[in-house]
């Protein structure tokens, strides 16, 4: 779907679960936070909802997924480590 500038988009509500929410940094007008949530949670929509609740508007400038299922970013290999394992076999 192509959207023209200024066109509004309806975001349909859905049930989600926020198990943890932590503000990790607040500086100037920027807030960093960590969230543990159910699948299907749109973090960009969550930020937008916070902005609406505060009557100030909000958006994401950065998003990083650190865990999905049993996969955790701290246990991830670098590209170099992965290539080294492939070539050493």
Protein backbone atom coordinates (compact mmCIF):
# COMPACT_ATOMS: atom_id res chain seq x y z
CA UNK A 1 0.00 0.00 0.00
CA UNK A 2 1.39 3.42 -0.95
CA UNK A 3 0.65 6.25 1.45
CA UNK A 4 0.58 9.86 0.43
CA UNK A 5 2.03 12.51 2.71
CA UNK A 6 -0.48 13.58 5.33
CA UNK A 7 -2.67 10.51 4.92
CA UNK A 8 -3.78 9.04 8.24
CA UNK A 9 -3.54 5.33 8.93
CA UNK A 10 -5.82 3.48 11.33
CA UNK A 11 -3.95 1.30 13.80
CA UNK A 12 -6.32 -1.39 15.02
CA UNK A 13 -6.13 -2.21 18.74
CA UNK A 14 -4.88 -5.63 19.80
CA UNK A 15 -4.36 -7.40 23.11
CA UNK A 16 -0.73 -7.51 24.20
CA UNK A 17 1.12 -8.19 27.42
CA UNK A 18 3.82 -5.92 28.83
CA UNK A 19 5.63 -7.97 31.48
CA UNK A 20 8.42 -5.48 32.22
CA UNK A 21 8.96 -1.83 31.38
CA UNK A 22 12.01 0.10 32.56
CA UNK A 23 13.17 3.60 31.69
CA UNK A 24 16.94 3.23 31.37
CA UNK A 25 17.84 6.82 30.46
CA UNK A 26 16.12 10.19 30.30
CA UNK A 27 18.11 13.05 28.82
CA UNK A 28 16.82 16.26 27.23
CA UNK A 29 13.71 15.11 25.36
CA UNK A 30 14.93 11.55 24.74
CA UNK A 31 13.89 8.49 26.70
CA UNK A 32 15.55 5.07 26.46
CA UNK A 33 13.54 2.14 27.73
CA UNK A 34 13.63 -1.63 27.95
CA UNK A 35 10.46 -3.66 27.53
CA UNK A 36 9.64 -7.35 27.88
CA UNK A 37 6.45 -8.03 25.97
CA UNK A 38 4.32 -10.60 24.22
CA UNK A 39 4.71 -11.42 20.56
CA UNK A 40 2.79 -9.12 18.27
CA UNK A 41 3.62 -6.00 20.29
CA UNK A 42 4.43 -3.05 18.06
CA UNK A 43 6.99 -1.02 19.99
CA UNK A 44 6.62 1.92 17.61
CA UNK A 45 2.90 2.00 18.41
CA UNK A 46 3.72 1.77 22.12
CA UNK A 47 5.95 4.86 21.83
CA UNK A 48 3.22 6.65 19.89
CA UNK A 49 0.68 5.77 22.59
CA UNK A 50 2.96 7.19 25.31
CA UNK A 51 3.27 10.41 23.35
CA UNK A 52 -0.51 10.68 23.03
CA UNK A 53 -0.96 9.99 26.76
CA UNK A 54 1.51 12.79 27.56
CA UNK A 55 -0.05 15.17 25.00
CA UNK A 56 3.39 15.67 23.48
CA UNK A 57 3.82 13.22 20.62
CA UNK A 58 6.55 10.60 20.46
CA UNK A 59 8.37 8.39 17.99
CA UNK A 60 11.18 5.85 17.95
CA UNK A 61 14.57 6.88 16.67
CA UNK A 62 16.14 3.48 17.39
CA UNK A 63 14.90 -0.05 18.06
CA UNK A 64 16.97 -3.07 19.03
CA UNK A 65 15.58 -6.54 19.69
CA UNK A 66 17.78 -8.24 22.30
CA UNK A 67 15.86 -11.49 22.76
CA UNK A 68 13.42 -13.67 20.87
CA UNK A 69 12.49 -17.06 22.28
CA UNK A 70 15.69 -18.75 23.49
CA UNK A 71 17.93 -16.54 21.34
CA UNK A 72 19.68 -13.78 23.30
CA UNK A 73 21.91 -11.14 21.72
CA UNK A 74 24.60 -11.67 24.40
CA UNK A 75 25.02 -15.25 23.12
CA UNK A 76 25.21 -14.23 19.46
CA UNK A 77 28.31 -14.77 17.35
CA UNK A 78 29.96 -12.04 15.35
CA UNK A 79 30.05 -12.46 11.59
CA UNK A 80 33.78 -13.17 11.85
CA UNK A 81 33.23 -15.94 14.43
CA UNK A 82 30.53 -17.51 12.28
CA UNK A 83 32.74 -17.46 9.14
CA UNK A 84 35.68 -18.92 11.10
CA UNK A 85 33.51 -21.84 12.26
CA UNK A 86 32.27 -22.43 8.72
CA UNK A 87 35.75 -22.45 7.23
CA UNK A 88 37.33 -24.58 9.97
CA UNK A 89 34.97 -27.51 9.35
